[in-house]
PDB file of N, CA and C in Angstrom:
ATOM      1  N   UNK A   1      36.748 -30.183 108.330  1.00  0.00           N
ATOM      2  CA  UNK A   1      37.851 -30.177 108.840  1.00  0.00           C
ATOM      3  C   UNK A   1      39.017 -30.971 108.010  1.00  0.00           C
ATOM      4  N   UNK A   2      38.590 -32.030 107.230  1.00  0.00           N
ATOM      5  CA  UNK A   2      39.523 -32.793 106.371  1.00  0.00           C
ATOM      6  C   UNK A   2      39.790 -31.677 104.992  1.00  0.00           C
ATOM      7  N   UNK A   3      38.863 -30.880 104.610  1.00  0.00           N
ATOM      8  CA  UNK A   3      39.025 -30.104 103.505  1.00  0.00           C
ATOM      9  C   UNK A   3      40.020 -28.897 103.744  1.00  0.00           C
ATOM     10  N   UNK A   4      39.844 -28.344 105.413  1.00  0.00           N
ATOM     11  CA  UNK A   4      40.885 -27.251 105.685  1.00  0.00           C
ATOM     12  C   UNK A   4      42.393 -27.956 105.554  1.00  0.00           C
ATOM     13  N   UNK A   5      42.500 -29.217 106.135  1.00  0.00           N
ATOM     14  CA  UNK A   5      43.907 -29.674 106.357  1.00  0.00           C
ATOM     15  C   UNK A   5      44.385 -30.104 104.589  1.00  0.00           C
ATOM     16  N   UNK A   6      43.569 -30.602 103.996  1.00  0.00           N
ATOM     17  CA  UNK A   6      43.766 -30.726 102.703  1.00  0.00           C
ATOM     18  C   UNK A   6      44.296 -29.317 102.026  1.00  0.00           C
ATOM     19  N   UNK A   7      43.497 -28.205 102.166  1.00  0.00           N
ATOM     20  CA  UNK A   7      44.023 -26.875 101.575  1.00  0.00           C
ATOM     21  C   UNK A   7      45.210 -26.487 102.138  1.00  0.00           C
ATOM     22  N   UNK A   8      45.555 -26.675 103.254  1.00  0.00           N
ATOM     23  CA  UNK A   8      47.010 -26.177 104.003  1.00  0.00           C
ATOM     24  C   UNK A   8      47.934 -27.157 103.258  1.00  0.00           C
ATOM     25  N   UNK A   9      47.703 -28.518 103.148  1.00  0.00           N
ATOM     26  CA  UNK A   9      48.897 -29.330 102.725  1.00  0.00           C
ATOM     27  C   UNK A   9      48.965 -28.799 101.148  1.00  0.00           C
ATOM     28  N   UNK A  10      48.124 -28.583 100.479  1.00  0.00           N
ATOM     29  CA  UNK A  10      48.179 -28.002  98.864  1.00  0.00           C
ATOM     30  C   UNK A  10      48.972 -26.583  98.987  1.00  0.00           C
ATOM     31  N   UNK A  11      48.563 -25.995 100.032  1.00  0.00           N
ATOM     32  CA  UNK A  11      49.298 -24.603  99.965  1.00  0.00           C
ATOM     33  C   UNK A  11      50.578 -24.552 100.377  1.00  0.00           C
ATOM     34  N   UNK A  12      51.026 -25.488 101.100  1.00  0.00           N
ATOM     35  CA  UNK A  12      52.559 -25.580 101.814  1.00  0.00           C
ATOM     36  C   UNK A  12      53.196 -26.248 100.505  1.00  0.00           C
ATOM     37  N   UNK A  13      52.766 -27.209  99.851  1.00  0.00           N
ATOM     38  CA  UNK A  13      53.305 -27.770  98.763  1.00  0.00           C
ATOM     39  C   UNK A  13      53.568 -26.782  97.747  1.00  0.00           C
ATOM     40  N   UNK A  14      52.749 -26.026  97.295  1.00  0.00           N
ATOM     41  CA  UNK A  14      52.869 -24.846  96.180  1.00  0.00           C
ATOM     42  C   UNK A  14      53.774 -23.918  96.659  1.00  0.00           C
ATOM     43  N   UNK A  15      53.929 -23.412  97.940  1.00  0.00           N
ATOM     44  CA  UNK A  15      54.806 -22.546  98.649  1.00  0.00           C
ATOM     45  C   UNK A  15      56.383 -22.958  98.223  1.00  0.00           C
ATOM     46  N   UNK A  16      56.510 -24.323  98.778  1.00  0.00           N
ATOM     47  CA  UNK A  16      57.676 -24.843  98.682  1.00  0.00           C
ATOM     48  C   UNK A  16      58.378 -25.368  97.278  1.00  0.00           C
ATOM     49  N   UNK A  17      57.290 -25.546  96.538  1.00  0.00           N
ATOM     50  CA  UNK A  17      57.615 -25.582  94.866  1.00  0.00           C
ATOM     51  C   UNK A  17      57.952 -24.172  94.297  1.00  0.00           C
ATOM     52  N   UNK A  18      57.348 -23.294  94.717  1.00  0.00           N
ATOM     53  CA  UNK A  18      57.669 -21.850  94.307  1.00  0.00           C
ATOM     54  C   UNK A  18      59.319 -21.402  94.616  1.00  0.00           C
ATOM     55  N   UNK A  19      59.483 -21.918  96.005  1.00  0.00           N
ATOM     56  CA  UNK A  19      60.729 -21.498  96.626  1.00  0.00           C
ATOM     57  C   UNK A  19      61.693 -22.239  95.985  1.00  0.00           C
ATOM     58  N   UNK A  20      61.464 -23.737  95.473  1.00  0.00           N
ATOM     59  CA  UNK A  20      62.512 -24.346  94.637  1.00  0.00           C
ATOM     60  C   UNK A  20      62.804 -23.885  93.326  1.00  0.00           C
ATOM     61  N   UNK A  21      61.736 -23.478  92.459  1.00  0.00           N
ATOM     62  CA  UNK A  21      61.868 -22.726  91.115  1.00  0.00           C
ATOM     63  C   UNK A  21      62.288 -21.329  91.269  1.00  0.00           C
ATOM     64  N   UNK A  22      62.120 -20.674  92.018  1.00  0.00           N
ATOM     65  CA  UNK A  22      62.058 -18.975  92.027  1.00  0.00           C
ATOM     66  C   UNK A  22      63.429 -18.899  91.569  1.00  0.00           C
ATOM     67  N   UNK A  23      64.629 -19.320  92.065  1.00  0.00           N
ATOM     68  CA  UNK A  23      65.772 -18.888  91.629  1.00  0.00           C
ATOM     69  C   UNK A  23      66.079 -19.027  90.221  1.00  0.00           C
ATOM     70  N   UNK A  24      65.630 -20.189  89.897  1.00  0.00           N
ATOM     71  CA  UNK A  24      65.918 -20.362  88.299  1.00  0.00           C
ATOM     72  C   UNK A  24      65.308 -19.527  87.357  1.00  0.00           C
ATOM     73  N   UNK A  25      63.875 -18.740  87.636  1.00  0.00           N
ATOM     74  CA  UNK A  25      63.078 -18.141  87.101  1.00  0.00           C
ATOM     75  C   UNK A  25      63.758 -16.688  87.169  1.00  0.00           C
ATOM     76  N   UNK A  26      64.257 -16.207  88.137  1.00  0.00           N
ATOM     77  CA  UNK A  26      65.175 -15.029  88.547  1.00  0.00           C
ATOM     78  C   UNK A  26      66.081 -14.923  87.703  1.00  0.00           C
ATOM     79  N   UNK A  27      66.975 -15.997  87.653  1.00  0.00           N
ATOM     80  CA  UNK A  27      68.065 -16.081  86.795  1.00  0.00           C
ATOM     81  C   UNK A  27      67.797 -16.120  85.169  1.00  0.00           C
ATOM     82  N   UNK A  28      66.952 -16.609  84.655  1.00  0.00           N
ATOM     83  CA  UNK A  28      66.416 -16.550  83.400  1.00  0.00           C
ATOM     84  C   UNK A  28      66.027 -14.951  83.179  1.00  0.00           C
ATOM     85  N   UNK A  29      65.179 -14.447  84.120  1.00  0.00           N
ATOM     86  CA  UNK A  29      64.885 -13.065  83.811  1.00  0.00           C
ATOM     87  C   UNK A  29      65.939 -12.070  83.831  1.00  0.00           C
ATOM     88  N   UNK A  30      67.086 -12.285  84.588  1.00  0.00           N
ATOM     89  CA  UNK A  30      68.013 -11.462  84.617  1.00  0.00           C
ATOM     90  C   UNK A  30      68.824 -11.564  83.441  1.00  0.00           C
ATOM     91  N   UNK A  31      69.117 -12.770  82.898  1.00  0.00           N
ATOM     92  CA  UNK A  31      69.726 -12.890  82.039  1.00  0.00           C
ATOM     93  C   UNK A  31      68.888 -12.349  80.596  1.00  0.00           C
ATOM     94  N   UNK A  32      67.864 -12.617  80.499  1.00  0.00           N
ATOM     95  CA  UNK A  32      66.928 -11.661  79.354  1.00  0.00           C
ATOM     96  C   UNK A  32      67.069 -10.525  79.561  1.00  0.00           C
ATOM     97  N   UNK A  33      67.116  -9.927  80.816  1.00  0.00           N
ATOM     98  CA  UNK A  33      67.195  -8.291  80.746  1.00  0.00           C
ATOM     99  C   UNK A  33      68.661  -7.906  80.230  1.00  0.00           C
ATOM    100  N   UNK A  34      69.471  -8.572  80.756  1.00  0.00           N
ATOM    101  CA  UNK A  34      70.966  -8.199  80.253  1.00  0.00           C
ATOM    102  C   UNK A  34      71.122  -8.266  79.034  1.00  0.00           C
ATOM    103  N   UNK A  35      70.472  -9.287  78.041  1.00  0.00           N
ATOM    104  CA  UNK A  35      70.543  -9.330  76.683  1.00  0.00           C
ATOM    105  C   UNK A  35      70.016  -8.221  76.174  1.00  0.00           C
ATOM    106  N   UNK A  36      68.793  -7.654  76.488  1.00  0.00           N
ATOM    107  CA  UNK A  36      68.036  -6.455  75.984  1.00  0.00           C
ATOM    108  C   UNK A  36      68.729  -5.285  76.354  1.00  0.00           C
ATOM    109  N   UNK A  37      69.518  -4.978  77.367  1.00  0.00           N
ATOM    110  CA  UNK A  37      70.244  -4.048  77.823  1.00  0.00           C
ATOM    111  C   UNK A  37      71.540  -3.915  76.998  1.00  0.00           C
ATOM    112  N   UNK A  38      72.205  -5.060  76.285  1.00  0.00           N
ATOM    113  CA  UNK A  38      73.393  -4.944  75.496  1.00  0.00           C
ATOM    114  C   UNK A  38      72.811  -4.457  74.252  1.00  0.00           C
ATOM    115  N   UNK A  39      71.820  -4.856  73.870  1.00  0.00           N
ATOM    116  CA  UNK A  39      70.859  -4.541  72.390  1.00  0.00           C
ATOM    117  C   UNK A  39      70.616  -3.249  72.326  1.00  0.00           C
ATOM    118  N   UNK A  40      70.280  -2.692  73.547  1.00  0.00           N
ATOM    119  CA  UNK A  40      69.730  -1.284  73.586  1.00  0.00           C
ATOM    120  C   UNK A  40      71.273  -0.456  73.704  1.00  0.00           C
ATOM    121  N   UNK A  41      71.999  -0.846  74.517  1.00  0.00           N
ATOM    122  CA  UNK A  41      73.434  -0.173  74.090  1.00  0.00           C
ATOM    123  C   UNK A  41      74.001   0.137  72.937  1.00  0.00           C
ATOM    124  N   UNK A  42      73.908  -1.082  71.964  1.00  0.00           N
ATOM    125  CA  UNK A  42      74.288  -1.244  70.887  1.00  0.00           C
ATOM    126  C   UNK A  42      73.532  -0.251  69.869  1.00  0.00           C
ATOM    127  N   UNK A  43      72.396  -0.227  69.981  1.00  0.00           N
ATOM    128  CA  UNK A  43      71.443   0.863  69.236  1.00  0.00           C
ATOM    129  C   UNK A  43      71.727   2.129  69.802  1.00  0.00           C
ATOM    130  N   UNK A  44      71.766   2.611  70.822  1.00  0.00           N
ATOM    131  CA  UNK A  44      71.939   3.915  71.346  1.00  0.00           C
ATOM    132  C   UNK A  44      73.414   4.360  71.095  1.00  0.00           C
ATOM    133  N   UNK A  45      74.307   3.553  70.550  1.00  0.00           N
ATOM    134  CA  UNK A  45      75.636   3.987  70.561  1.00  0.00           C
ATOM    135  C   UNK A  45      75.656   4.312  68.919  1.00  0.00           C
ATOM    136  N   UNK A  46      74.999   3.584  67.991  1.00  0.00           N
ATOM    137  CA  UNK A  46      74.963   3.841  66.528  1.00  0.00           C
ATOM    138  C   UNK A  46      74.209   4.999  66.304  1.00  0.00           C
ATOM    139  N   UNK A  47      73.027   5.204  67.003  1.00  0.00           N
ATOM    140  CA  UNK A  47      72.268   6.264  66.659  1.00  0.00           C
ATOM    141  C   UNK A  47      72.577   7.644  67.451  1.00  0.00           C
ATOM    142  N   UNK A  48      73.655   7.746  68.151  1.00  0.00           N
ATOM    143  CA  UNK A  48      73.970   9.157  68.941  1.00  0.00           C
ATOM    144  C   UNK A  48      74.456  10.031  67.762  1.00  0.00           C
ATOM    145  N   UNK A  49      75.133   9.722  66.787  1.00  0.00           N
ATOM    146  CA  UNK A  49      75.591  10.854  65.735  1.00  0.00           C
ATOM    147  C   UNK A  49      74.459  11.570  64.935  1.00  0.00           C
ATOM    148  N   UNK A  50      73.376  10.678  64.850  1.00  0.00           N
ATOM    149  CA  UNK A  50      72.290  11.181  63.962  1.00  0.00           C
ATOM    150  C   UNK A  50      71.729  12.005  64.988  1.00  0.00           C
ATOM    151  N   UNK A  51      71.467  11.922  65.997  1.00  0.00           N
ATOM    152  CA  UNK A  51      70.615  12.757  66.939  1.00  0.00           C
ATOM    153  C   UNK A  51      71.374  14.161  67.314  1.00  0.00           C
ATOM    154  N   UNK A  52      72.962  14.231  67.343  1.00  0.00           N
ATOM    155  CA  UNK A  52      73.562  15.252  67.322  1.00  0.00           C
ATOM    156  C   UNK A  52      73.319  16.220  66.222  1.00  0.00           C
ATOM    157  N   UNK A  53      73.583  15.521  64.848  1.00  0.00           N
ATOM    158  CA  UNK A  53      73.460  16.570  63.642  1.00  0.00           C
ATOM    159  C   UNK A  53      72.197  17.000  63.637  1.00  0.00           C
ATOM    160  N   UNK A  54      70.957  16.281  64.145  1.00  0.00           N
ATOM    161  CA  UNK A  54      69.647  16.937  64.033  1.00  0.00           C
ATOM    162  C   UNK A  54      69.500  18.083  65.131  1.00  0.00           C
ATOM    163  N   UNK A  55      70.170  17.983  66.067  1.00  0.00           N
ATOM    164  CA  UNK A  55      70.276  19.080  67.304  1.00  0.00           C
ATOM    165  C   UNK A  55      70.903  20.284  66.717  1.00  0.00           C
ATOM    166  N   UNK A  56      72.009  20.141  66.138  1.00  0.00           N
ATOM    167  CA  UNK A  56      72.742  21.215  65.650  1.00  0.00           C
ATOM    168  C   UNK A  56      71.985  21.866  64.358  1.00  0.00           C
ATOM    169  N   UNK A  57      71.224  21.447  63.803  1.00  0.00           N
ATOM    170  CA  UNK A  57      70.549  21.910  62.629  1.00  0.00           C
ATOM    171  C   UNK A  57      69.256  23.077  63.108  1.00  0.00           C
ATOM    172  N   UNK A  58      68.707  22.521  64.245  1.00  0.00           N
ATOM    173  CA  UNK A  58      67.623  23.128  64.825  1.00  0.00           C
ATOM    174  C   UNK A  58      68.000  24.737  65.284  1.00  0.00           C
ATOM    175  N   UNK A  59      67.221  25.556  64.896  1.00  0.00           N
ATOM    176  CA  UNK A  59      67.341  27.170  65.355  1.00  0.00           C
ATOM    177  C   UNK A  59      66.745  27.294  66.855  1.00  0.00           C
ATOM    178  N   UNK A  60      67.503  27.726  67.844  1.00  0.00           N
ATOM    179  CA  UNK A  60      66.549  27.972  68.996  1.00  0.00           C
ATOM    180  C   UNK A  60      66.233  29.405  69.111  1.00  0.00           C
ATOM    181  N   UNK A  61      65.086  29.532  69.879  1.00  0.00           N
ATOM    182  CA  UNK A  61      64.517  30.815  69.925  1.00  0.00           C
ATOM    183  C   UNK A  61      65.440  31.781  70.984  1.00  0.00           C
ATOM    184  N   UNK A  62      64.962  33.044  71.241  1.00  0.00           N
ATOM    185  CA  UNK A  62      65.619  33.915  72.207  1.00  0.00           C
ATOM    186  C   UNK A  62      65.244  33.553  73.707  1.00  0.00           C
ATOM    187  N   UNK A  63      66.032  33.918  74.714  1.00  0.00           N
ATOM    188  CA  UNK A  63      65.632  33.376  75.960  1.00  0.00           C
ATOM    189  C   UNK A  63      64.878  34.379  76.743  1.00  0.00           C
ATOM    190  N   UNK A  64      63.969  34.120  77.420  1.00  0.00           N
ATOM    191  CA  UNK A  64      63.044  35.224  78.049  1.00  0.00           C
ATOM    192  C   UNK A  64      63.053  35.059  79.361  1.00  0.00           C
ATOM    193  N   UNK A  65      63.393  36.064  80.036  1.00  0.00           N
ATOM    194  CA  UNK A  65      63.621  35.747  81.654  1.00  0.00           C
ATOM    195  C   UNK A  65      62.510  36.626  82.154  1.00  0.00           C
ATOM    196  N   UNK A  66      61.507  35.623  83.029  1.00  0.00           N
ATOM    197  CA  UNK A  66      60.465  36.120  83.617  1.00  0.00           C
ATOM    198  C   UNK A  66      60.588  36.436  85.076  1.00  0.00           C
ATOM    199  N   UNK A  67      59.981  37.634  85.571  1.00  0.00           N
ATOM    200  CA  UNK A  67      60.334  37.727  87.008  1.00  0.00           C
ATOM    201  C   UNK A  67      58.753  37.677  87.394  1.00  0.00           C
ATOM    202  N   UNK A  68      59.012  37.305  88.856  1.00  0.00           N
ATOM    203  CA  UNK A  68      57.587  37.136  89.754  1.00  0.00           C
ATOM    204  C   UNK A  68      57.270  38.376  90.329  1.00  0.00           C
ATOM    205  N   UNK A  69      55.864  38.680  89.866  1.00  0.00           N
ATOM    206  CA  UNK A  69      54.987  39.908  90.420  1.00  0.00           C
ATOM    207  C   UNK A  69      54.285  39.442  91.764  1.00  0.00           C
ATOM    208  N   UNK A  70      54.448  40.450  92.701  1.00  0.00           N
ATOM    209  CA  UNK A  70      53.906  40.308  93.963  1.00  0.00           C
ATOM    210  C   UNK A  70      52.319  40.890  94.007  1.00  0.00           C
TER     211      UNK A  70
END
């Protein structure tokens, strides 16, 4: 009986501790994600001219329209 009470007290303490700490963890993770997205935007904007030149050099094959046969 005492062991079960001790378990629930420890579990309750852990839950309240996580409720207190979780806003800080979420704030940190969102800040990290925003930094990565800014870095990603900077990389993608600098590399887009290279991608466009590569696409224009490729020759496309001819278009084939398939019809469904019943």
